[in-house]
PDB file of all heavy atoms in Angstrom:
ATOM      1  N   PRO A   1     160.027 -50.414  -7.878  1.00  0.00           N
ATOM      2  CA  PRO A   1     159.282 -50.970  -6.747  1.00  0.00           C
ATOM      3  C   PRO A   1     158.098 -51.852  -7.162  1.00  0.00           C
ATOM      4  O   PRO A   1     157.850 -52.885  -6.549  1.00  0.00           O
ATOM      5  CB  PRO A   1     158.797 -49.741  -5.972  1.00  0.00           C
ATOM      6  CG  PRO A   1     159.747 -48.664  -6.338  1.00  0.00           C
ATOM      7  CD  PRO A   1     160.158 -48.948  -7.749  1.00  0.00           C
ATOM      8  N   GLU A   2     157.381 -51.479  -8.205  1.00  0.00           N
ATOM      9  CA  GLU A   2     156.230 -52.280  -8.647  1.00  0.00           C
ATOM     10  C   GLU A   2     156.672 -53.609  -9.246  1.00  0.00           C
ATOM     11  O   GLU A   2     156.039 -54.639  -9.017  1.00  0.00           O
ATOM     12  CB  GLU A   2     155.362 -51.497  -9.631  1.00  0.00           C
ATOM     13  CG  GLU A   2     154.528 -50.430  -8.973  1.00  0.00           C
ATOM     14  CD  GLU A   2     153.626 -50.957  -7.849  1.00  0.00           C
ATOM     15  OE1 GLU A   2     152.950 -51.989  -8.026  1.00  0.00           O
ATOM     16  OE2 GLU A   2     153.613 -50.331  -6.773  1.00  0.00           O
ATOM     17  N   ALA A   3     157.761 -53.595 -10.005  1.00  0.00           N
ATOM     18  CA  ALA A   3     158.281 -54.849 -10.567  1.00  0.00           C
ATOM     19  C   ALA A   3     158.786 -55.761  -9.448  1.00  0.00           C
ATOM     20  O   ALA A   3     158.612 -56.988  -9.512  1.00  0.00           O
ATOM     21  CB  ALA A   3     159.395 -54.563 -11.569  1.00  0.00           C
ATOM     22  N   SER A   4     159.391 -55.180  -8.414  1.00  0.00           N
ATOM     23  CA  SER A   4     159.845 -55.969  -7.260  1.00  0.00           C
ATOM     24  C   SER A   4     158.654 -56.628  -6.570  1.00  0.00           C
ATOM     25  O   SER A   4     158.688 -57.817  -6.254  1.00  0.00           O
ATOM     26  CB  SER A   4     160.602 -55.085  -6.268  1.00  0.00           C
ATOM     27  OG  SER A   4     161.796 -54.631  -6.823  1.00  0.00           O
ATOM     28  N   TYR A   5     157.617 -55.847  -6.341  1.00  0.00           N
ATOM     29  CA  TYR A   5     156.407 -56.375  -5.692  1.00  0.00           C
ATOM     30  C   TYR A   5     155.798 -57.501  -6.522  1.00  0.00           C
ATOM     31  O   TYR A   5     155.454 -58.560  -5.997  1.00  0.00           O
ATOM     32  CB  TYR A   5     155.399 -55.246  -5.489  1.00  0.00           C
ATOM     33  CG  TYR A   5     154.111 -55.693  -4.862  1.00  0.00           C
ATOM     34  CD1 TYR A   5     154.063 -56.063  -3.515  1.00  0.00           C
ATOM     35  CD2 TYR A   5     152.939 -55.757  -5.600  1.00  0.00           C
ATOM     36  CE1 TYR A   5     152.875 -56.478  -2.935  1.00  0.00           C
ATOM     37  CE2 TYR A   5     151.753 -56.165  -5.028  1.00  0.00           C
ATOM     38  CZ  TYR A   5     151.727 -56.518  -3.698  1.00  0.00           C
ATOM     39  OH  TYR A   5     150.560 -56.943  -3.118  1.00  0.00           O
ATOM     40  N   LYS A   6     155.692 -57.277  -7.830  1.00  0.00           N
ATOM     41  CA  LYS A   6     155.119 -58.305  -8.713  1.00  0.00           C
ATOM     42  C   LYS A   6     155.957 -59.578  -8.685  1.00  0.00           C
ATOM     43  O   LYS A   6     155.422 -60.687  -8.639  1.00  0.00           O
ATOM     44  CB  LYS A   6     155.009 -57.777 -10.135  1.00  0.00           C
ATOM     45  CG  LYS A   6     154.373 -58.774 -11.097  1.00  0.00           C
ATOM     46  CD  LYS A   6     154.305 -58.227 -12.502  1.00  0.00           C
ATOM     47  CE  LYS A   6     153.664 -59.157 -13.492  1.00  0.00           C
ATOM     48  NZ  LYS A   6     153.805 -60.563 -13.309  1.00  0.00           N
ATOM     49  N   MET A   7     157.267 -59.418  -8.693  1.00  0.00           N
ATOM     50  CA  MET A   7     158.147 -60.591  -8.661  1.00  0.00           C
ATOM     51  C   MET A   7     157.951 -61.389  -7.383  1.00  0.00           C
ATOM     52  O   MET A   7     157.884 -62.621  -7.407  1.00  0.00           O
ATOM     53  CB  MET A   7     159.600 -60.162  -8.808  1.00  0.00           C
ATOM     54  CG  MET A   7     160.556 -61.299  -8.952  1.00  0.00           C
ATOM     55  SD  MET A   7     162.194 -60.657  -9.331  1.00  0.00           S
ATOM     56  CE  MET A   7     163.127 -62.161  -9.199  1.00  0.00           C
ATOM     57  N   VAL A   8     157.848 -60.705  -6.263  1.00  0.00           N
ATOM     58  CA  VAL A   8     157.614 -61.401  -4.994  1.00  0.00           C
ATOM     59  C   VAL A   8     156.283 -62.138  -5.042  1.00  0.00           C
ATOM     60  O   VAL A   8     156.202 -63.315  -4.692  1.00  0.00           O
ATOM     61  CB  VAL A   8     157.673 -60.414  -3.807  1.00  0.00           C
ATOM     62  CG1 VAL A   8     157.241 -61.093  -2.514  1.00  0.00           C
ATOM     63  CG2 VAL A   8     159.077 -59.853  -3.663  1.00  0.00           C
ATOM     64  N   LYS A   9     155.246 -61.467  -5.493  1.00  0.00           N
ATOM     65  CA  LYS A   9     153.923 -62.104  -5.577  1.00  0.00           C
ATOM     66  C   LYS A   9     153.954 -63.322  -6.501  1.00  0.00           C
ATOM     67  O   LYS A   9     153.325 -64.335  -6.220  1.00  0.00           O
ATOM     68  CB  LYS A   9     152.867 -61.111  -6.054  1.00  0.00           C
ATOM     69  CG  LYS A   9     152.576 -59.974  -5.094  1.00  0.00           C
ATOM     70  CD  LYS A   9     152.078 -60.457  -3.759  1.00  0.00           C
ATOM     71  CE  LYS A   9     150.578 -60.598  -3.740  1.00  0.00           C
ATOM     72  NZ  LYS A   9     150.047 -60.979  -2.434  1.00  0.00           N
ATOM     73  N   ASP A  10     154.706 -63.218  -7.602  1.00  0.00           N
ATOM     74  CA  ASP A  10     154.771 -64.312  -8.578  1.00  0.00           C
ATOM     75  C   ASP A  10     155.578 -65.509  -8.082  1.00  0.00           C
ATOM     76  O   ASP A  10     155.302 -66.647  -8.469  1.00  0.00           O
ATOM     77  CB  ASP A  10     155.381 -63.825  -9.894  1.00  0.00           C
ATOM     78  CG  ASP A  10     154.470 -62.900 -10.676  1.00  0.00           C
ATOM     79  OD1 ASP A  10     153.266 -62.793 -10.340  1.00  0.00           O
ATOM     80  OD2 ASP A  10     154.965 -62.258 -11.631  1.00  0.00           O
ATOM     81  N   PHE A  11     156.586 -65.279  -7.226  1.00  0.00           N
ATOM     82  CA  PHE A  11     157.504 -66.357  -6.875  1.00  0.00           C
ATOM     83  C   PHE A  11     157.396 -66.870  -5.442  1.00  0.00           C
ATOM     84  O   PHE A  11     158.004 -67.892  -5.122  1.00  0.00           O
ATOM     85  CB  PHE A  11     158.950 -65.948  -7.174  1.00  0.00           C
ATOM     86  CG  PHE A  11     159.253 -65.962  -8.649  1.00  0.00           C
ATOM     87  CD1 PHE A  11     159.141 -64.808  -9.399  1.00  0.00           C
ATOM     88  CD2 PHE A  11     159.621 -67.139  -9.275  1.00  0.00           C
ATOM     89  CE1 PHE A  11     159.392 -64.814 -10.758  1.00  0.00           C
ATOM     90  CE2 PHE A  11     159.882 -67.165 -10.636  1.00  0.00           C
ATOM     91  CZ  PHE A  11     159.765 -65.994 -11.384  1.00  0.00           C
ATOM     92  N   VAL A  12     156.660 -66.188  -4.577  1.00  0.00           N
ATOM     93  CA  VAL A  12     156.470 -66.703  -3.214  1.00  0.00           C
ATOM     94  C   VAL A  12     155.770 -68.059  -3.316  1.00  0.00           C
ATOM     95  O   VAL A  12     154.782 -68.215  -4.021  1.00  0.00           O
ATOM     96  CB  VAL A  12     155.635 -65.722  -2.356  1.00  0.00           C
ATOM     97  CG1 VAL A  12     155.056 -66.415  -1.143  1.00  0.00           C
ATOM     98  CG2 VAL A  12     156.487 -64.554  -1.912  1.00  0.00           C
ATOM     99  N   GLY A  13     156.335 -69.031  -2.641  1.00  0.00           N
ATOM    100  CA  GLY A  13     155.745 -70.364  -2.630  1.00  0.00           C
ATOM    101  C   GLY A  13     156.218 -71.283  -3.742  1.00  0.00           C
ATOM    102  O   GLY A  13     155.894 -72.470  -3.741  1.00  0.00           O
ATOM    103  N   ARG A  14     156.993 -70.763  -4.681  1.00  0.00           N
ATOM    104  CA  ARG A  14     157.505 -71.626  -5.749  1.00  0.00           C
ATOM    105  C   ARG A  14     158.607 -72.529  -5.211  1.00  0.00           C
ATOM    106  O   ARG A  14     159.386 -72.144  -4.349  1.00  0.00           O
ATOM    107  CB  ARG A  14     158.058 -70.796  -6.901  1.00  0.00           C
ATOM    108  CG  ARG A  14     156.996 -70.041  -7.646  1.00  0.00           C
ATOM    109  CD  ARG A  14     156.958 -70.463  -9.102  1.00  0.00           C
ATOM    110  NE  ARG A  14     156.024 -69.627  -9.828  1.00  0.00           N
ATOM    111  CZ  ARG A  14     156.297 -69.045 -10.967  1.00  0.00           C
ATOM    112  NH1 ARG A  14     157.481 -69.198 -11.527  1.00  0.00           N
ATOM    113  NH2 ARG A  14     155.393 -68.324 -11.580  1.00  0.00           N
ATOM    114  N   LYS A  15     158.660 -73.709  -5.764  1.00  0.00           N
ATOM    115  CA  LYS A  15     159.648 -74.695  -5.347  1.00  0.00           C
ATOM    116  C   LYS A  15     161.067 -74.156  -5.534  1.00  0.00           C
ATOM    117  O   LYS A  15     161.412 -73.633  -6.588  1.00  0.00           O
ATOM    118  CB  LYS A  15     159.469 -75.964  -6.175  1.00  0.00           C
ATOM    119  CG  LYS A  15     160.311 -77.122  -5.719  1.00  0.00           C
ATOM    120  CD  LYS A  15     159.991 -78.360  -6.509  1.00  0.00           C
ATOM    121  CE  LYS A  15     160.824 -79.504  -6.018  1.00  0.00           C
ATOM    122  NZ  LYS A  15     160.564 -80.721  -6.794  1.00  0.00           N
ATOM    123  N   GLY A  16     161.869 -74.263  -4.479  1.00  0.00           N
ATOM    124  CA  GLY A  16     163.256 -73.852  -4.519  1.00  0.00           C
ATOM    125  C   GLY A  16     163.503 -72.398  -4.145  1.00  0.00           C
ATOM    126  O   GLY A  16     164.631 -72.010  -3.889  1.00  0.00           O
ATOM    127  N   VAL A  17     162.467 -71.565  -4.121  1.00  0.00           N
ATOM    128  CA  VAL A  17     162.632 -70.157  -3.769  1.00  0.00           C
ATOM    129  C   VAL A  17     162.491 -70.023  -2.257  1.00  0.00           C
ATOM    130  O   VAL A  17     161.445 -70.313  -1.696  1.00  0.00           O
ATOM    131  CB  VAL A  17     161.599 -69.259  -4.484  1.00  0.00           C
ATOM    132  CG1 VAL A  17     161.736 -67.812  -4.038  1.00  0.00           C
ATOM    133  CG2 VAL A  17     161.754 -69.373  -5.993  1.00  0.00           C
ATOM    134  N   VAL A  18     163.579 -69.605  -1.611  1.00  0.00           N
ATOM    135  CA  VAL A  18     163.576 -69.526  -0.143  1.00  0.00           C
ATOM    136  C   VAL A  18     163.659 -68.093   0.372  1.00  0.00           C
ATOM    137  O   VAL A  18     163.675 -67.868   1.571  1.00  0.00           O
ATOM    138  CB  VAL A  18     164.714 -70.376   0.471  1.00  0.00           C
ATOM    139  CG1 VAL A  18     164.492 -71.847   0.161  1.00  0.00           C
ATOM    140  CG2 VAL A  18     166.073 -69.903  -0.006  1.00  0.00           C
ATOM    141  N   GLY A  19     163.723 -67.122  -0.532  1.00  0.00           N
ATOM    142  CA  GLY A  19     163.797 -65.727  -0.132  1.00  0.00           C
ATOM    143  C   GLY A  19     164.118 -64.857  -1.332  1.00  0.00           C
ATOM    144  O   GLY A  19     164.102 -65.321  -2.478  1.00  0.00           O
ATOM    145  N   PHE A  20     164.415 -63.590  -1.042  1.00  0.00           N
ATOM    146  CA  PHE A  20     164.694 -62.629  -2.096  1.00  0.00           C
ATOM    147  C   PHE A  20     165.899 -61.787  -1.708  1.00  0.00           C
ATOM    148  O   PHE A  20     166.150 -61.549  -0.532  1.00  0.00           O
ATOM    149  CB  PHE A  20     163.472 -61.744  -2.341  1.00  0.00           C
ATOM    150  CG  PHE A  20     162.309 -62.540  -2.887  1.00  0.00           C
ATOM    151  CD1 PHE A  20     161.421 -63.164  -2.031  1.00  0.00           C
ATOM    152  CD2 PHE A  20     162.133 -62.679  -4.251  1.00  0.00           C
ATOM    153  CE1 PHE A  20     160.367 -63.918  -2.523  1.00  0.00           C
ATOM    154  CE2 PHE A  20     161.080 -63.432  -4.753  1.00  0.00           C
ATOM    155  CZ  PHE A  20     160.199 -64.053  -3.886  1.00  0.00           C
ATOM    156  N   THR A  21     166.634 -61.328  -2.728  1.00  0.00           N
ATOM    157  CA  THR A  21     167.879 -60.619  -2.510  1.00  0.00           C
ATOM    158  C   THR A  21     167.843 -59.239  -3.149  1.00  0.00           C
ATOM    159  O   THR A  21     167.342 -59.077  -4.259  1.00  0.00           O
ATOM    160  CB  THR A  21     169.058 -61.420  -3.108  1.00  0.00           C
ATOM    161  OG1 THR A  21     169.147 -62.668  -2.430  1.00  0.00           O
ATOM    162  CG2 THR A  21     170.375 -60.686  -2.971  1.00  0.00           C
ATOM    163  N   ILE A  22     168.397 -58.274  -2.427  1.00  0.00           N
ATOM    164  CA  ILE A  22     168.627 -56.937  -2.950  1.00  0.00           C
ATOM    165  C   ILE A  22     170.134 -56.791  -3.101  1.00  0.00           C
ATOM    166  O   ILE A  22     170.879 -57.033  -2.158  1.00  0.00           O
ATOM    167  CB  ILE A  22     168.101 -55.865  -1.974  1.00  0.00           C
ATOM    168  CG1 ILE A  22     166.574 -55.916  -1.917  1.00  0.00           C
ATOM    169  CG2 ILE A  22     168.596 -54.485  -2.372  1.00  0.00           C
ATOM    170  CD1 ILE A  22     165.972 -55.017  -0.864  1.00  0.00           C
ATOM    171  N   VAL A  23     170.574 -56.445  -4.300  1.00  0.00           N
ATOM    172  CA  VAL A  23     171.986 -56.158  -4.508  1.00  0.00           C
ATOM    173  C   VAL A  23     172.206 -54.730  -4.018  1.00  0.00           C
ATOM    174  O   VAL A  23     171.559 -53.798  -4.478  1.00  0.00           O
ATOM    175  CB  VAL A  23     172.389 -56.306  -5.980  1.00  0.00           C
ATOM    176  CG1 VAL A  23     173.870 -56.010  -6.165  1.00  0.00           C
ATOM    177  CG2 VAL A  23     172.059 -57.709  -6.468  1.00  0.00           C
ATOM    178  N   SER A  24     173.090 -54.571  -3.070  1.00  0.00           N
ATOM    179  CA  SER A  24     173.204 -53.315  -2.337  1.00  0.00           C
ATOM    180  C   SER A  24     173.568 -52.074  -3.139  1.00  0.00           C
ATOM    181  O   SER A  24     173.093 -50.992  -2.806  1.00  0.00           O
ATOM    182  CB  SER A  24     174.175 -53.482  -1.170  1.00  0.00           C
ATOM    183  OG  SER A  24     173.586 -54.321  -0.206  1.00  0.00           O
ATOM    184  N   PRO A  25     174.411 -52.122  -4.172  1.00  0.00           N
ATOM    185  CA  PRO A  25     174.689 -50.871  -4.876  1.00  0.00           C
ATOM    186  C   PRO A  25     173.485 -50.425  -5.708  1.00  0.00           C
ATOM    187  O   PRO A  25     173.279 -50.862  -6.827  1.00  0.00           O
ATOM    188  CB  PRO A  25     175.865 -51.189  -5.787  1.00  0.00           C
ATOM    189  CG  PRO A  25     176.453 -52.417  -5.245  1.00  0.00           C
ATOM    190  CD  PRO A  25     175.328 -53.165  -4.599  1.00  0.00           C
ATOM    191  N   HIS A  26     172.674 -49.606  -5.114  1.00  0.00           N
ATOM    192  CA  HIS A  26     171.570 -48.969  -5.824  1.00  0.00           C
ATOM    193  C   HIS A  26     171.324 -47.637  -5.135  1.00  0.00           C
ATOM    194  O   HIS A  26     171.787 -47.403  -4.028  1.00  0.00           O
ATOM    195  CB  HIS A  26     170.309 -49.842  -5.840  1.00  0.00           C
ATOM    196  CG  HIS A  26     169.790 -50.171  -4.490  1.00  0.00           C
ATOM    197  ND1 HIS A  26     169.016 -49.299  -3.764  1.00  0.00           N
ATOM    198  CD2 HIS A  26     169.942 -51.250  -3.709  1.00  0.00           C
ATOM    199  CE1 HIS A  26     168.714 -49.844  -2.596  1.00  0.00           C
ATOM    200  NE2 HIS A  26     169.286 -51.026  -2.546  1.00  0.00           N
ATOM    201  N   TYR A  27     170.614 -46.784  -5.792  1.00  0.00           N
ATOM    202  CA  TYR A  27     170.474 -45.425  -5.276  1.00  0.00           C
ATOM    203  C   TYR A  27     169.015 -45.048  -5.046  1.00  0.00           C
ATOM    204  O   TYR A  27     168.596 -43.934  -5.311  1.00  0.00           O
ATOM    205  CB  TYR A  27     171.182 -44.445  -6.217  1.00  0.00           C
ATOM    206  CG  TYR A  27     172.660 -44.756  -6.291  1.00  0.00           C
ATOM    207  CD1 TYR A  27     173.180 -45.538  -7.306  1.00  0.00           C
ATOM    208  CD2 TYR A  27     173.526 -44.315  -5.300  1.00  0.00           C
ATOM    209  CE1 TYR A  27     174.531 -45.856  -7.350  1.00  0.00           C
ATOM    210  CE2 TYR A  27     174.876 -44.619  -5.333  1.00  0.00           C
ATOM    211  CZ  TYR A  27     175.368 -45.388  -6.357  1.00  0.00           C
ATOM    212  OH  TYR A  27     176.690 -45.710  -6.399  1.00  0.00           O
ATOM    213  N   LYS A  28     168.250 -45.986  -4.525  1.00  0.00           N
ATOM    214  CA  LYS A  28     166.884 -45.733  -4.078  1.00  0.00           C
ATOM    215  C   LYS A  28     166.850 -46.029  -2.596  1.00  0.00           C
ATOM    216  O   LYS A  28     167.451 -47.002  -2.128  1.00  0.00           O
ATOM    217  CB  LYS A  28     165.897 -46.630  -4.813  1.00  0.00           C
ATOM    218  CG  LYS A  28     165.733 -46.299  -6.272  1.00  0.00           C
ATOM    219  CD  LYS A  28     164.267 -46.189  -6.578  1.00  0.00           C
ATOM    220  CE  LYS A  28     164.064 -45.903  -8.037  1.00  0.00           C
ATOM    221  NZ  LYS A  28     163.272 -44.749  -8.264  1.00  0.00           N
ATOM    222  N   ALA A  29     166.143 -45.224  -1.862  1.00  0.00           N
ATOM    223  CA  ALA A  29     166.078 -45.396  -0.408  1.00  0.00           C
ATOM    224  C   ALA A  29     165.238 -46.622  -0.055  1.00  0.00           C
ATOM    225  O   ALA A  29     164.083 -46.725  -0.475  1.00  0.00           O
ATOM    226  CB  ALA A  29     165.481 -44.152   0.230  1.00  0.00           C
ATOM    227  N   ILE A  30     165.813 -47.528   0.714  1.00  0.00           N
ATOM    228  CA  ILE A  30     165.092 -48.752   1.060  1.00  0.00           C
ATOM    229  C   ILE A  30     163.925 -48.502   1.999  1.00  0.00           C
ATOM    230  O   ILE A  30     163.067 -49.348   2.151  1.00  0.00           O
ATOM    231  CB  ILE A  30     166.029 -49.810   1.668  1.00  0.00           C
ATOM    232  CG1 ILE A  30     166.655 -49.289   2.953  1.00  0.00           C
ATOM    233  CG2 ILE A  30     167.060 -50.253   0.668  1.00  0.00           C
ATOM    234  CD1 ILE A  30     167.239 -50.364   3.811  1.00  0.00           C
ATOM    235  N   TYR A  31     163.875 -47.325   2.606  1.00  0.00           N
ATOM    236  CA  TYR A  31     162.782 -46.983   3.508  1.00  0.00           C
ATOM    237  C   TYR A  31     161.634 -46.282   2.782  1.00  0.00           C
ATOM    238  O   TYR A  31     160.641 -45.909   3.390  1.00  0.00           O
ATOM    239  CB  TYR A  31     163.274 -46.097   4.650  1.00  0.00           C
ATOM    240  CG  TYR A  31     164.005 -44.865   4.184  1.00  0.00           C
ATOM    241  CD1 TYR A  31     163.318 -43.721   3.800  1.00  0.00           C
ATOM    242  CD2 TYR A  31     165.388 -44.867   4.103  1.00  0.00           C
ATOM    243  CE1 TYR A  31     163.988 -42.596   3.350  1.00  0.00           C
ATOM    244  CE2 TYR A  31     166.074 -43.746   3.658  1.00  0.00           C
ATOM    245  CZ  TYR A  31     165.360 -42.618   3.275  1.00  0.00           C
ATOM    246  OH  TYR A  31     166.037 -41.520   2.825  1.00  0.00           O
ATOM    247  N   ASP A  32     161.743 -46.126   1.469  1.00  0.00           N
ATOM    248  CA  ASP A  32     160.689 -45.472   0.693  1.00  0.00           C
ATOM    249  C   ASP A  32     159.385 -46.255   0.839  1.00  0.00           C
ATOM    250  O   ASP A  32     159.377 -47.493   0.813  1.00  0.00           O
ATOM    251  CB  ASP A  32     161.107 -45.408  -0.781  1.00  0.00           C
ATOM    252  CG  ASP A  32     160.192 -44.525  -1.599  1.00  0.00           C
ATOM    253  OD1 ASP A  32     158.986 -44.825  -1.682  1.00  0.00           O
ATOM    254  OD2 ASP A  32     160.691 -43.534  -2.165  1.00  0.00           O
ATOM    255  N   ASN A  33     158.291 -45.541   0.992  1.00  0.00           N
ATOM    256  CA  ASN A  33     156.983 -46.192   1.161  1.00  0.00           C
ATOM    257  C   ASN A  33     156.609 -47.095  -0.014  1.00  0.00           C
ATOM    258  O   ASN A  33     155.798 -48.002   0.145  1.00  0.00           O
ATOM    259  CB  ASN A  33     155.891 -45.147   1.388  1.00  0.00           C
ATOM    260  CG  ASN A  33     155.921 -44.617   2.798  1.00  0.00           C
ATOM    261  OD1 ASN A  33     156.339 -45.296   3.725  1.00  0.00           O
ATOM    262  ND2 ASN A  33     155.496 -43.378   2.965  1.00  0.00           N
ATOM    263  N   ALA A  34     157.201 -46.875  -1.174  1.00  0.00           N
ATOM    264  CA  ALA A  34     156.915 -47.716  -2.340  1.00  0.00           C
ATOM    265  C   ALA A  34     157.311 -49.174  -2.116  1.00  0.00           C
ATOM    266  O   ALA A  34     156.779 -50.069  -2.765  1.00  0.00           O
ATOM    267  CB  ALA A  34     157.637 -47.164  -3.569  1.00  0.00           C
ATOM    268  N   TYR A  35     158.223 -49.432  -1.168  1.00  0.00           N
ATOM    269  CA  TYR A  35     158.680 -50.801  -0.900  1.00  0.00           C
ATOM    270  C   TYR A  35     157.938 -51.482   0.249  1.00  0.00           C
ATOM    271  O   TYR A  35     158.117 -52.682   0.469  1.00  0.00           O
ATOM    272  CB  TYR A  35     160.177 -50.809  -0.577  1.00  0.00           C
ATOM    273  CG  TYR A  35     161.029 -50.304  -1.702  1.00  0.00           C
ATOM    274  CD1 TYR A  35     161.782 -49.146  -1.553  1.00  0.00           C
ATOM    275  CD2 TYR A  35     161.088 -50.973  -2.920  1.00  0.00           C
ATOM    276  CE1 TYR A  35     162.567 -48.670  -2.588  1.00  0.00           C
ATOM    277  CE2 TYR A  35     161.864 -50.502  -3.956  1.00  0.00           C
ATOM    278  CZ  TYR A  35     162.604 -49.348  -3.788  1.00  0.00           C
ATOM    279  OH  TYR A  35     163.373 -48.884  -4.813  1.00  0.00           O
ATOM    280  N   MET A  36     157.137 -50.770   0.974  1.00  0.00           N
ATOM    281  CA  MET A  36     156.538 -51.317   2.195  1.00  0.00           C
ATOM    282  C   MET A  36     155.641 -52.526   1.930  1.00  0.00           C
ATOM    283  O   MET A  36     155.673 -53.497   2.674  1.00  0.00           O
ATOM    284  CB  MET A  36     155.766 -50.241   2.967  1.00  0.00           C
ATOM    285  CG  MET A  36     156.650 -49.111   3.487  1.00  0.00           C
ATOM    286  SD  MET A  36     158.009 -49.668   4.536  1.00  0.00           S
ATOM    287  CE  MET A  36     159.417 -48.996   3.658  1.00  0.00           C
ATOM    288  N   LYS A  37     154.871 -52.507   0.835  1.00  0.00           N
ATOM    289  CA  LYS A  37     154.003 -53.657   0.559  1.00  0.00           C
ATOM    290  C   LYS A  37     154.842 -54.882   0.169  1.00  0.00           C
ATOM    291  O   LYS A  37     154.458 -56.013   0.456  1.00  0.00           O
ATOM    292  CB  LYS A  37     152.956 -53.333  -0.495  1.00  0.00           C
ATOM    293  CG  LYS A  37     153.483 -52.998  -1.859  1.00  0.00           C
ATOM    294  CD  LYS A  37     152.337 -52.610  -2.792  1.00  0.00           C
ATOM    295  CE  LYS A  37     152.851 -52.262  -4.175  1.00  0.00           C
ATOM    296  NZ  LYS A  37     151.742 -51.873  -5.064  1.00  0.00           N
TER     297      LYS A  37
END
């Protein structure tokens, strides 16, 4: 979750980046509070 947050902070606003993708096969709950920020 922290690496995801850092990546978003680092790449928001960069040229060509229009969003972010989660590859669905993973075993962490997407509703976990660690992802809210």
